[in-house]
N, C-alpha and C. Protein backbone atom coordinates (compact mmCIF):
# COMPACT_ATOMS: atom_id res chain seq x y z
N PRO A 1 104.70 115.12 95.23
CA PRO A 1 104.78 114.16 94.14
C PRO A 1 103.47 113.42 93.88
N LEU A 2 102.64 113.25 94.90
CA LEU A 2 101.39 112.53 94.71
C LEU A 2 100.43 113.29 93.80
N ILE A 3 100.36 114.59 93.99
CA ILE A 3 99.45 115.39 93.16
C ILE A 3 99.94 115.40 91.72
N ARG A 4 101.24 115.57 91.53
CA ARG A 4 101.80 115.57 90.17
C ARG A 4 101.53 114.23 89.49
N GLN A 5 101.76 113.13 90.20
CA GLN A 5 101.52 111.80 89.64
C GLN A 5 100.05 111.63 89.25
N PHE A 6 99.15 112.09 90.08
CA PHE A 6 97.71 112.02 89.79
C PHE A 6 97.39 112.75 88.49
N LEU A 7 97.93 113.96 88.35
CA LEU A 7 97.65 114.76 87.15
C LEU A 7 98.26 114.13 85.90
N VAL A 8 99.47 113.63 85.99
CA VAL A 8 100.13 113.00 84.85
C VAL A 8 99.36 111.76 84.41
N GLU A 9 98.97 110.92 85.36
CA GLU A 9 98.24 109.69 85.03
C GLU A 9 96.93 109.98 84.32
N ARG A 10 96.32 111.10 84.64
CA ARG A 10 95.03 111.46 84.03
C ARG A 10 95.19 112.41 82.84
N LYS A 11 96.46 112.61 82.46
CA LYS A 11 96.78 113.49 81.33
C LYS A 11 96.17 114.88 81.48
N ILE A 12 96.25 115.41 82.69
CA ILE A 12 95.76 116.74 82.98
C ILE A 12 96.94 117.71 82.90
N ARG A 13 96.82 118.69 82.03
CA ARG A 13 97.90 119.67 81.88
C ARG A 13 98.05 120.46 83.17
N HIS A 14 99.30 120.70 83.53
CA HIS A 14 99.57 121.42 84.76
C HIS A 14 101.00 121.95 84.74
N LEU A 15 101.29 122.82 85.66
CA LEU A 15 102.64 123.33 85.87
C LEU A 15 102.95 123.17 87.36
N ALA A 16 103.92 122.34 87.67
CA ALA A 16 104.29 122.11 89.06
C ALA A 16 105.20 123.25 89.54
N CYS A 17 104.83 123.88 90.63
CA CYS A 17 105.61 124.98 91.20
C CYS A 17 105.91 124.68 92.66
N PRO A 18 106.98 123.94 92.92
CA PRO A 18 107.32 123.69 94.33
C PRO A 18 107.63 125.01 95.04
N LEU A 19 106.99 125.22 96.17
CA LEU A 19 107.16 126.48 96.88
C LEU A 19 108.22 126.42 97.97
N TYR A 20 108.55 125.22 98.41
CA TYR A 20 109.59 125.10 99.43
C TYR A 20 110.12 123.68 99.45
N ASP A 21 111.28 123.53 100.02
CA ASP A 21 111.87 122.22 100.28
C ASP A 21 111.95 122.06 101.80
N PRO A 22 111.41 120.96 102.33
CA PRO A 22 111.50 120.78 103.78
C PRO A 22 112.93 120.39 104.18
N ILE A 23 113.63 121.33 104.76
CA ILE A 23 115.01 121.10 105.19
C ILE A 23 115.03 121.08 106.72
N PRO A 24 115.38 119.94 107.31
CA PRO A 24 115.36 119.89 108.77
C PRO A 24 116.48 120.73 109.38
N HIS A 25 116.16 121.33 110.50
CA HIS A 25 117.14 122.11 111.25
C HIS A 25 117.28 121.46 112.62
N THR A 26 118.50 121.18 113.01
CA THR A 26 118.76 120.55 114.30
C THR A 26 118.80 121.62 115.39
N PRO A 27 117.90 121.52 116.37
CA PRO A 27 117.90 122.52 117.44
C PRO A 27 119.12 122.35 118.34
N TYR A 28 119.57 123.46 118.88
CA TYR A 28 120.68 123.40 119.83
C TYR A 28 120.33 124.24 121.04
N PRO A 29 120.44 123.73 122.21
CA PRO A 29 120.76 122.33 122.51
C PRO A 29 119.57 121.43 122.20
N LEU A 30 119.83 120.16 121.98
CA LEU A 30 118.75 119.22 121.71
C LEU A 30 117.84 119.11 122.92
N PRO A 31 116.52 119.09 122.68
CA PRO A 31 115.61 118.86 123.80
C PRO A 31 115.82 117.45 124.37
N ARG A 32 115.60 117.32 125.64
CA ARG A 32 115.70 116.01 126.30
C ARG A 32 114.36 115.31 126.14
N LEU A 33 114.34 114.23 125.40
CA LEU A 33 113.08 113.54 125.11
C LEU A 33 112.41 113.02 126.39
N GLU A 34 113.17 112.81 127.45
CA GLU A 34 112.61 112.34 128.72
C GLU A 34 111.64 113.36 129.31
N GLU A 35 111.72 114.60 128.86
CA GLU A 35 110.85 115.65 129.38
C GLU A 35 109.50 115.72 128.67
N PHE A 36 109.30 114.84 127.68
CA PHE A 36 108.07 114.86 126.90
C PHE A 36 107.32 113.55 127.05
N THR A 37 106.02 113.61 126.83
CA THR A 37 105.19 112.40 126.85
C THR A 37 104.64 112.08 125.47
N GLU A 38 104.59 113.08 124.59
CA GLU A 38 103.98 112.89 123.27
C GLU A 38 104.71 113.72 122.23
N ILE A 39 104.83 113.16 121.03
CA ILE A 39 105.35 113.89 119.87
C ILE A 39 104.25 113.87 118.81
N VAL A 40 103.93 115.04 118.25
CA VAL A 40 102.91 115.15 117.21
C VAL A 40 103.61 115.42 115.89
N PHE A 41 103.37 114.54 114.92
CA PHE A 41 103.94 114.69 113.58
C PHE A 41 102.87 115.25 112.66
N THR A 42 103.19 116.35 112.00
CA THR A 42 102.21 117.03 111.15
C THR A 42 102.37 116.72 109.67
N SER A 43 103.45 116.05 109.30
CA SER A 43 103.69 115.72 107.89
C SER A 43 104.76 114.63 107.83
N PRO A 44 104.86 113.93 106.70
CA PRO A 44 105.93 112.95 106.57
C PRO A 44 107.32 113.57 106.76
N SER A 45 107.50 114.81 106.35
CA SER A 45 108.82 115.42 106.50
C SER A 45 109.16 115.65 107.98
N THR A 46 108.16 115.86 108.84
CA THR A 46 108.47 116.00 110.27
C THR A 46 108.90 114.67 110.86
N VAL A 47 108.32 113.58 110.35
CA VAL A 47 108.75 112.24 110.79
C VAL A 47 110.21 112.03 110.41
N ASP A 48 110.54 112.32 109.15
CA ASP A 48 111.92 112.14 108.67
C ASP A 48 112.89 113.02 109.44
N ALA A 49 112.50 114.26 109.72
CA ALA A 49 113.38 115.17 110.46
C ALA A 49 113.63 114.66 111.87
N PHE A 50 112.58 114.16 112.53
CA PHE A 50 112.76 113.63 113.88
C PHE A 50 113.77 112.48 113.86
N TRP A 51 113.60 111.55 112.91
CA TRP A 51 114.51 110.41 112.82
C TRP A 51 115.94 110.87 112.54
N LYS A 52 116.08 111.90 111.72
CA LYS A 52 117.42 112.39 111.38
C LYS A 52 118.10 112.97 112.62
N VAL A 53 117.36 113.69 113.44
CA VAL A 53 117.93 114.35 114.61
C VAL A 53 118.07 113.40 115.80
N PHE A 54 117.01 112.61 116.07
CA PHE A 54 116.98 111.80 117.29
C PHE A 54 117.11 110.30 117.06
N GLY A 55 116.88 109.85 115.84
CA GLY A 55 116.79 108.41 115.62
C GLY A 55 115.42 107.92 116.05
N PRO A 56 115.23 106.60 116.16
CA PRO A 56 113.92 106.09 116.57
C PRO A 56 113.53 106.62 117.96
N PRO A 57 112.26 106.94 118.14
CA PRO A 57 111.83 107.49 119.43
C PRO A 57 111.84 106.43 120.52
N PRO A 58 112.07 106.85 121.76
CA PRO A 58 112.03 105.90 122.87
C PRO A 58 110.60 105.38 123.07
N PRO A 59 110.46 104.18 123.61
CA PRO A 59 109.13 103.56 123.70
C PRO A 59 108.15 104.28 124.63
N PHE A 60 108.62 105.14 125.52
CA PHE A 60 107.71 105.82 126.44
C PHE A 60 106.95 106.97 125.78
N LEU A 61 107.38 107.40 124.60
CA LEU A 61 106.70 108.51 123.93
C LEU A 61 105.46 108.05 123.18
N VAL A 62 104.39 108.81 123.30
CA VAL A 62 103.19 108.61 122.48
C VAL A 62 103.44 109.32 121.16
N LEU A 63 103.25 108.61 120.05
CA LEU A 63 103.46 109.20 118.73
C LEU A 63 102.11 109.44 118.09
N THR A 64 101.81 110.70 117.79
CA THR A 64 100.54 111.10 117.22
C THR A 64 100.78 111.70 115.84
N THR A 65 99.89 111.39 114.90
CA THR A 65 100.01 111.97 113.56
C THR A 65 98.75 112.73 113.21
N ILE A 66 98.91 113.69 112.32
CA ILE A 66 97.77 114.43 111.79
C ILE A 66 97.61 113.99 110.34
N GLY A 67 96.60 113.19 110.07
CA GLY A 67 96.30 112.76 108.72
C GLY A 67 96.81 111.37 108.39
N PRO A 68 96.16 110.73 107.43
CA PRO A 68 96.48 109.35 107.06
C PRO A 68 97.82 109.20 106.35
N VAL A 69 98.24 110.18 105.58
CA VAL A 69 99.51 110.08 104.86
C VAL A 69 100.67 110.07 105.87
N THR A 70 100.61 110.95 106.83
CA THR A 70 101.65 110.99 107.86
C THR A 70 101.61 109.72 108.71
N ALA A 71 100.42 109.21 109.00
CA ALA A 71 100.29 107.98 109.78
C ALA A 71 100.94 106.81 109.06
N ARG A 72 100.71 106.70 107.75
CA ARG A 72 101.33 105.61 106.98
C ARG A 72 102.85 105.75 106.97
N HIS A 73 103.32 106.97 106.80
CA HIS A 73 104.77 107.22 106.76
C HIS A 73 105.41 106.85 108.11
N LEU A 74 104.76 107.24 109.19
CA LEU A 74 105.27 106.90 110.52
C LEU A 74 105.28 105.38 110.72
N ALA A 75 104.22 104.72 110.28
CA ALA A 75 104.14 103.26 110.45
C ALA A 75 105.30 102.56 109.75
N VAL A 76 105.68 103.06 108.59
CA VAL A 76 106.83 102.46 107.86
C VAL A 76 108.11 102.69 108.66
N ARG A 77 108.27 103.87 109.23
CA ARG A 77 109.48 104.17 110.00
C ARG A 77 109.56 103.33 111.27
N VAL A 78 108.44 103.18 111.96
CA VAL A 78 108.42 102.47 113.23
C VAL A 78 108.66 100.97 113.02
N ASN A 79 108.14 100.44 111.95
CA ASN A 79 108.28 99.00 111.69
C ASN A 79 109.45 98.74 110.86
């Protein structure tokens, strides 16, 4: 949506072609979070999927993001 909004605001002609929808899949059996020390989020959708499956992460986990957009999204979720 950010790229589309940028193009629309600047009146740049374009055709939006979404290639996929991020649909979270719940693993079975669920991993035991106590067995991990760090979770790496690669996109805002991975943050949302984690929250959908596990809820807020326990405080012992280190939460790492790749990129500023994902970092901002995680910050909103955590706070």
